All heavy atoms as atom14 arrays in JSON, in Angstrom:
{
  "sequence": "VRWAIVDNVLELFPSTRQPDLDRTKLKDPDT",
  "atom14_mask": [
    [1, 1, 1, 1, 1, 1, 1, 0, 0, 0, 0, 0, 0, 0],
    [1, 1, 1, 1, 1, 1, 1, 1, 1, 1, 1, 0, 0, 0],
    [1, 1, 1, 1, 1, 1, 1, 1, 1, 1, 1, 1, 1, 1],
    [1, 1, 1, 1, 1, 0, 0, 0, 0, 0, 0, 0, 0, 0],
    [1, 1, 1, 1, 1, 1, 1, 1, 0, 0, 0, 0, 0, 0],
    [1, 1, 1, 1, 1, 1, 1, 0, 0, 0, 0, 0, 0, 0],
    [1, 1, 1, 1, 1, 1, 1, 1, 0, 0, 0, 0, 0, 0],
    [1, 1, 1, 1, 1, 1, 1, 1, 0, 0, 0, 0, 0, 0],
    [1, 1, 1, 1, 1, 1, 1, 0, 0, 0, 0, 0, 0, 0],
    [1, 1, 1, 1, 1, 1, 1, 1, 0, 0, 0, 0, 0, 0],
    [1, 1, 1, 1, 1, 1, 1, 1, 1, 0, 0, 0, 0, 0],
    [1, 1, 1, 1, 1, 1, 1, 1, 0, 0, 0, 0, 0, 0],
    [1, 1, 1, 1, 1, 1, 1, 1, 1, 1, 1, 0, 0, 0],
    [1, 1, 1, 1, 1, 1, 1, 0, 0, 0, 0, 0, 0, 0],
    [1, 1, 1, 1, 1, 1, 0, 0, 0, 0, 0, 0, 0, 0],
    [1, 1, 1, 1, 1, 1, 1, 0, 0, 0, 0, 0, 0, 0],
    [1, 1, 1, 1, 1, 1, 1, 1, 1, 1, 1, 0, 0, 0],
    [1, 1, 1, 1, 1, 1, 1, 1, 1, 0, 0, 0, 0, 0],
    [1, 1, 1, 1, 1, 1, 1, 0, 0, 0, 0, 0, 0, 0],
    [1, 1, 1, 1, 1, 1, 1, 1, 0, 0, 0, 0, 0, 0],
    [1, 1, 1, 1, 1, 1, 1, 1, 0, 0, 0, 0, 0, 0],
    [1, 1, 1, 1, 1, 1, 1, 1, 0, 0, 0, 0, 0, 0],
    [1, 1, 1, 1, 1, 1, 1, 1, 1, 1, 1, 0, 0, 0],
    [1, 1, 1, 1, 1, 1, 1, 0, 0, 0, 0, 0, 0, 0],
    [1, 1, 1, 1, 1, 1, 1, 1, 1, 0, 0, 0, 0, 0],
    [1, 1, 1, 1, 1, 1, 1, 1, 0, 0, 0, 0, 0, 0],
    [1, 1, 1, 1, 1, 1, 1, 1, 1, 0, 0, 0, 0, 0],
    [1, 1, 1, 1, 1, 1, 1, 1, 0, 0, 0, 0, 0, 0],
    [1, 1, 1, 1, 1, 1, 1, 0, 0, 0, 0, 0, 0, 0],
    [1, 1, 1, 1, 1, 1, 1, 1, 0, 0, 0, 0, 0, 0],
    [1, 1, 1, 1, 1, 1, 1, 0, 0, 0, 0, 0, 0, 0]
  ],
  "atom14_positions": [
    [[-0.67, 4.87, 15.98], [-2.1, 5.24, 16.04], [-2.56, 5.58, 14.63], [-3.65, 5.21, 14.21], [-2.31, 6.45, 17.0], [-3.7, 6.95, 16.93], [-1.91, 6.06, 18.43], [0.0, 0.0, 0.0], [0.0, 0.0, 0.0], [0.0, 0.0, 0.0], [0.0, 0.0, 0.0], [0.0, 0.0, 0.0], [0.0, 0.0, 0.0], [0.0, 0.0, 0.0]],
    [[-1.72, 6.29, 13.86], [-2.03, 6.62, 12.47], [-2.29, 5.34, 11.66], [-3.24, 5.26, 10.92], [-0.91, 7.42, 11.88], [-1.07, 7.84, 10.44], [-0.34, 7.1, 9.39], [0.99, 6.65, 9.73], [1.56, 5.57, 9.24], [0.91, 4.82, 8.39], [2.75, 5.23, 9.63], [0.0, 0.0, 0.0], [0.0, 0.0, 0.0], [0.0, 0.0, 0.0]],
    [[-1.4, 4.4, 11.8], [-1.54, 3.14, 11.05], [-2.9, 2.46, 11.39], [-3.59, 1.99, 10.51], [-0.4, 2.17, 11.44], [-0.63, 0.81, 10.93], [-0.42, 0.31, 9.64], [-1.13, -0.3, 11.69], [-0.79, -1.02, 9.61], [-1.22, -1.37, 10.85], [-1.52, -0.42, 13.02], [-1.71, -2.62, 11.29], [-2.02, -1.66, 13.44], [-2.08, -2.73, 12.57]],
    [[-3.23, 2.47, 12.71], [-4.48, 1.79, 13.14], [-5.73, 2.54, 12.68], [-6.77, 1.9, 12.49], [-4.46, 1.64, 14.66], [0.0, 0.0, 0.0], [0.0, 0.0, 0.0], [0.0, 0.0, 0.0], [0.0, 0.0, 0.0], [0.0, 0.0, 0.0], [0.0, 0.0, 0.0], [0.0, 0.0, 0.0], [0.0, 0.0, 0.0], [0.0, 0.0, 0.0]],
    [[-5.63, 3.85, 12.5], [-6.84, 4.62, 12.17], [-6.82, 5.15, 10.73], [-7.64, 4.73, 9.94], [-7.03, 5.76, 13.17], [-7.25, 5.2, 14.61], [-8.24, 6.63, 12.8], [-7.23, 6.25, 15.68], [0.0, 0.0, 0.0], [0.0, 0.0, 0.0], [0.0, 0.0, 0.0], [0.0, 0.0, 0.0], [0.0, 0.0, 0.0], [0.0, 0.0, 0.0]],
    [[-5.9, 6.01, 10.42], [-5.9, 6.71, 9.15], [-5.72, 5.73, 8.0], [-6.44, 5.77, 6.99], [-4.83, 7.86, 9.11], [-4.86, 8.53, 7.77], [-5.11, 8.85, 10.23], [0.0, 0.0, 0.0], [0.0, 0.0, 0.0], [0.0, 0.0, 0.0], [0.0, 0.0, 0.0], [0.0, 0.0, 0.0], [0.0, 0.0, 0.0], [0.0, 0.0, 0.0]],
    [[-4.7, 4.85, 8.1], [-4.48, 3.9, 7.01], [-5.72, 3.04, 6.76], [-6.07, 2.77, 5.61], [-3.29, 2.97, 7.34], [-1.94, 3.68, 7.31], [-1.91, 4.92, 7.3], [-0.91, 2.98, 7.31], [0.0, 0.0, 0.0], [0.0, 0.0, 0.0], [0.0, 0.0, 0.0], [0.0, 0.0, 0.0], [0.0, 0.0, 0.0], [0.0, 0.0, 0.0]],
    [[-6.39, 2.64, 7.82], [-7.59, 1.82, 7.66], [-8.75, 2.6, 7.07], [-9.55, 2.07, 6.32], [-7.96, 1.13, 8.96], [-6.99, 0.01, 9.29], [-6.74, -0.87, 8.43], [-6.4, 0.02, 10.44], [0.0, 0.0, 0.0], [0.0, 0.0, 0.0], [0.0, 0.0, 0.0], [0.0, 0.0, 0.0], [0.0, 0.0, 0.0], [0.0, 0.0, 0.0]],
    [[-8.84, 3.89, 7.42], [-9.88, 4.72, 6.81], [-9.62, 4.88, 5.31], [-10.57, 4.76, 4.52], [-9.96, 6.11, 7.49], [-10.79, 7.08, 6.72], [-10.48, 5.99, 8.94], [0.0, 0.0, 0.0], [0.0, 0.0, 0.0], [0.0, 0.0, 0.0], [0.0, 0.0, 0.0], [0.0, 0.0, 0.0], [0.0, 0.0, 0.0], [0.0, 0.0, 0.0]],
    [[-8.37, 5.09, 4.96], [-8.05, 5.23, 3.52], [-8.32, 3.95, 2.76], [-8.71, 3.97, 1.59], [-6.57, 5.63, 3.34], [-6.25, 7.07, 3.74], [-4.77, 7.3, 3.73], [-6.96, 8.07, 2.82], [0.0, 0.0, 0.0], [0.0, 0.0, 0.0], [0.0, 0.0, 0.0], [0.0, 0.0, 0.0], [0.0, 0.0, 0.0], [0.0, 0.0, 0.0]],
    [[-8.15, 2.83, 3.42], [-8.41, 1.53, 2.74], [-9.9, 1.3, 2.5], [-10.3, 0.38, 1.73], [-7.86, 0.37, 3.63], [-6.37, 0.22, 3.54], [-5.89, -0.23, 2.17], [-6.53, -1.15, 1.58], [-4.86, 0.27, 1.71], [0.0, 0.0, 0.0], [0.0, 0.0, 0.0], [0.0, 0.0, 0.0], [0.0, 0.0, 0.0], [0.0, 0.0, 0.0]],
    [[-10.79, 2.05, 3.13], [-12.2, 1.91, 2.95], [-12.67, 2.38, 1.55], [-13.72, 1.96, 1.06], [-13.01, 2.69, 4.04], [-12.85, 2.16, 5.44], [-13.59, 3.13, 6.41], [-13.36, 0.77, 5.58], [0.0, 0.0, 0.0], [0.0, 0.0, 0.0], [0.0, 0.0, 0.0], [0.0, 0.0, 0.0], [0.0, 0.0, 0.0], [0.0, 0.0, 0.0]],
    [[-11.89, 3.26, 0.92], [-12.27, 3.85, -0.36], [-11.52, 3.21, -1.46], [-10.3, 3.14, -1.4], [-12.0, 5.36, -0.29], [-12.74, 6.07, 0.81], [-12.08, 6.41, 1.98], [-14.07, 6.37, 0.7], [-12.74, 7.03, 3.05], [-14.74, 6.98, 1.75], [-14.06, 7.34, 2.93], [0.0, 0.0, 0.0], [0.0, 0.0, 0.0], [0.0, 0.0, 0.0]],
    [[-12.22, 2.83, -2.5], [-11.52, 2.17, -3.65], [-10.43, 3.01, -4.25], [-9.39, 2.46, -4.67], [-12.64, 1.94, -4.67], [-13.92, 1.9, -3.85], [-13.68, 2.84, -2.71], [0.0, 0.0, 0.0], [0.0, 0.0, 0.0], [0.0, 0.0, 0.0], [0.0, 0.0, 0.0], [0.0, 0.0, 0.0], [0.0, 0.0, 0.0], [0.0, 0.0, 0.0]],
    [[-10.58, 4.32, -4.29], [-9.54, 5.19, -4.92], [-8.26, 5.24, -4.11], [-7.25, 5.67, -4.65], [-10.12, 6.61, -5.12], [-10.33, 7.22, -3.88], [0.0, 0.0, 0.0], [0.0, 0.0, 0.0], [0.0, 0.0, 0.0], [0.0, 0.0, 0.0], [0.0, 0.0, 0.0], [0.0, 0.0, 0.0], [0.0, 0.0, 0.0], [0.0, 0.0, 0.0]],
    [[-8.3, 4.82, -2.85], [-7.1, 4.94, -2.02], [-6.7, 3.56, -1.45], [-5.84, 3.49, -0.6], [-7.26, 5.94, -0.86], [-8.43, 5.65, -0.13], [-7.32, 7.34, -1.37], [0.0, 0.0, 0.0], [0.0, 0.0, 0.0], [0.0, 0.0, 0.0], [0.0, 0.0, 0.0], [0.0, 0.0, 0.0], [0.0, 0.0, 0.0], [0.0, 0.0, 0.0]],
    [[-7.27, 2.5, -2.0], [-6.9, 1.17, -1.52], [-5.54, 0.78, -2.04], [-5.21, 1.03, -3.19], [-7.95, 0.16, -2.02], [-8.2, -0.97, -1.05], [-9.43, -1.77, -1.43], [-10.58, -1.17, -0.8], [-11.79, -1.17, -1.33], [-12.05, -1.66, -2.52], [-12.81, -0.6, -0.68], [0.0, 0.0, 0.0], [0.0, 0.0, 0.0], [0.0, 0.0, 0.0]],
    [[-4.73, 0.22, -1.18], [-3.39, -0.23, -1.61], [-3.5, -1.34, -2.6], [-4.22, -2.31, -2.42], [-2.59, -0.8, -0.43], [-2.16, 0.24, 0.58], [-1.31, -0.42, 1.64], [-0.54, -1.33, 1.42], [-1.48, 0.02, 2.86], [0.0, 0.0, 0.0], [0.0, 0.0, 0.0], [0.0, 0.0, 0.0], [0.0, 0.0, 0.0], [0.0, 0.0, 0.0]],
    [[-2.77, -1.21, -3.74], [-2.78, -2.29, -4.72], [-1.89, -3.45, -4.25], [-1.04, -3.26, -3.35], [-2.16, -1.64, -5.95], [-1.29, -0.54, -5.43], [-1.97, -0.07, -4.16], [0.0, 0.0, 0.0], [0.0, 0.0, 0.0], [0.0, 0.0, 0.0], [0.0, 0.0, 0.0], [0.0, 0.0, 0.0], [0.0, 0.0, 0.0], [0.0, 0.0, 0.0]],
    [[-2.14, -4.62, -4.77], [-1.33, -5.79, -4.44], [-0.09, -5.72, -5.34], [-0.09, -6.31, -6.44], [-2.14, -7.06, -4.68], [-1.42, -8.3, -4.16], [-0.45, -8.17, -3.4], [-1.8, -9.44, -4.57], [0.0, 0.0, 0.0], [0.0, 0.0, 0.0], [0.0, 0.0, 0.0], [0.0, 0.0, 0.0], [0.0, 0.0, 0.0], [0.0, 0.0, 0.0]],
    [[0.92, -5.01, -4.91], [2.11, -4.75, -5.73], [2.97, -5.99, -5.9], [3.03, -6.83, -5.01], [2.95, -3.63, -5.07], [2.24, -2.27, -4.92], [3.05, -1.37, -4.03], [2.04, -1.65, -6.3], [0.0, 0.0, 0.0], [0.0, 0.0, 0.0], [0.0, 0.0, 0.0], [0.0, 0.0, 0.0], [0.0, 0.0, 0.0], [0.0, 0.0, 0.0]],
    [[3.6, -6.05, -7.04], [4.55, -7.13, -7.3], [5.92, -6.81, -6.73], [6.79, -6.29, -7.4], [4.61, -7.38, -8.81], [5.46, -8.56, -9.2], [5.94, -9.27, -8.25], [5.66, -8.79, -10.41], [0.0, 0.0, 0.0], [0.0, 0.0, 0.0], [0.0, 0.0, 0.0], [0.0, 0.0, 0.0], [0.0, 0.0, 0.0], [0.0, 0.0, 0.0]],
    [[6.11, -7.07, -5.46], [7.34, -6.7, -4.76], [8.52, -7.6, -5.15], [9.62, -7.35, -4.74], [7.11, -6.72, -3.28], [6.08, -5.64, -2.85], [5.93, -5.55, -1.33], [4.76, -4.76, -0.95], [4.73, -3.48, -0.87], [5.75, -2.76, -1.16], [3.62, -2.85, -0.49], [0.0, 0.0, 0.0], [0.0, 0.0, 0.0], [0.0, 0.0, 0.0]],
    [[8.3, -8.64, -5.94], [9.4, -9.46, -6.38], [10.37, -8.7, -7.25], [11.53, -9.02, -7.39], [8.94, -10.75, -7.16], [8.18, -10.31, -8.3], [8.05, -11.6, -6.26], [0.0, 0.0, 0.0], [0.0, 0.0, 0.0], [0.0, 0.0, 0.0], [0.0, 0.0, 0.0], [0.0, 0.0, 0.0], [0.0, 0.0, 0.0], [0.0, 0.0, 0.0]],
    [[9.87, -7.59, -7.86], [10.69, -6.75, -8.74], [11.68, -5.93, -7.96], [12.61, -5.33, -8.5], [9.8, -5.83, -9.58], [8.95, -6.57, -10.56], [8.09, -5.67, -11.39], [7.29, -6.49, -12.37], [6.44, -5.66, -13.2], [0.0, 0.0, 0.0], [0.0, 0.0, 0.0], [0.0, 0.0, 0.0], [0.0, 0.0, 0.0], [0.0, 0.0, 0.0]],
    [[11.58, -5.89, -6.62], [12.52, -5.12, -5.79], [13.89, -5.76, -5.76], [14.83, -5.17, -5.21], [11.96, -4.97, -4.36], [10.75, -4.04, -4.25], [10.21, -4.06, -2.83], [11.09, -2.65, -4.68], [0.0, 0.0, 0.0], [0.0, 0.0, 0.0], [0.0, 0.0, 0.0], [0.0, 0.0, 0.0], [0.0, 0.0, 0.0], [0.0, 0.0, 0.0]],
    [[14.06, -6.96, -6.33], [15.37, -7.63, -6.39], [16.31, -6.85, -7.33], [17.51, -6.91, -7.19], [15.18, -9.06, -6.88], [14.47, -9.95, -5.89], [14.23, -11.29, -6.46], [13.37, -12.14, -5.54], [12.98, -13.4, -6.17], [0.0, 0.0, 0.0], [0.0, 0.0, 0.0], [0.0, 0.0, 0.0], [0.0, 0.0, 0.0], [0.0, 0.0, 0.0]],
    [[15.73, -6.17, -8.32], [16.49, -5.36, -9.25], [16.95, -4.08, -8.55], [16.13, -3.35, -8.01], [15.64, -5.02, -10.46], [16.36, -4.1, -11.43], [17.5, -4.39, -11.81], [15.77, -3.08, -11.8], [0.0, 0.0, 0.0], [0.0, 0.0, 0.0], [0.0, 0.0, 0.0], [0.0, 0.0, 0.0], [0.0, 0.0, 0.0], [0.0, 0.0, 0.0]],
    [[18.26, -3.8, -8.53], [18.77, -2.61, -7.81], [18.16, -1.28, -8.29], [17.92, -0.39, -7.48], [20.28, -2.64, -8.09], [20.58, -4.08, -8.45], [19.33, -4.6, -9.1], [0.0, 0.0, 0.0], [0.0, 0.0, 0.0], [0.0, 0.0, 0.0], [0.0, 0.0, 0.0], [0.0, 0.0, 0.0], [0.0, 0.0, 0.0], [0.0, 0.0, 0.0]],
    [[17.93, -1.13, -9.61], [17.33, 0.09, -10.13], [15.9, 0.24, -9.71], [15.46, 1.32, -9.33], [17.44, 0.14, -11.66], [18.85, 0.25, -12.17], [19.69, 0.76, -11.4], [19.08, -0.17, -13.31], [0.0, 0.0, 0.0], [0.0, 0.0, 0.0], [0.0, 0.0, 0.0], [0.0, 0.0, 0.0], [0.0, 0.0, 0.0], [0.0, 0.0, 0.0]],
    [[15.15, -0.85, -9.66], [13.76, -0.82, -9.19], [13.74, -0.49, -7.72], [12.91, 0.31, -7.27], [13.09, -2.16, -9.48], [13.19, -2.43, -10.87], [11.63, -2.14, -9.05], [0.0, 0.0, 0.0], [0.0, 0.0, 0.0], [0.0, 0.0, 0.0], [0.0, 0.0, 0.0], [0.0, 0.0, 0.0], [0.0, 0.0, 0.0], [0.0, 0.0, 0.0]]
  ]
}
């Protein structure tokens, strides 16, 4: 329910919008 409501409310505001992260860097164990 949180995902369906709160996450989407946070996405409405530019300051809390999820960035398009470069998840390819997760291949590095330290990262």
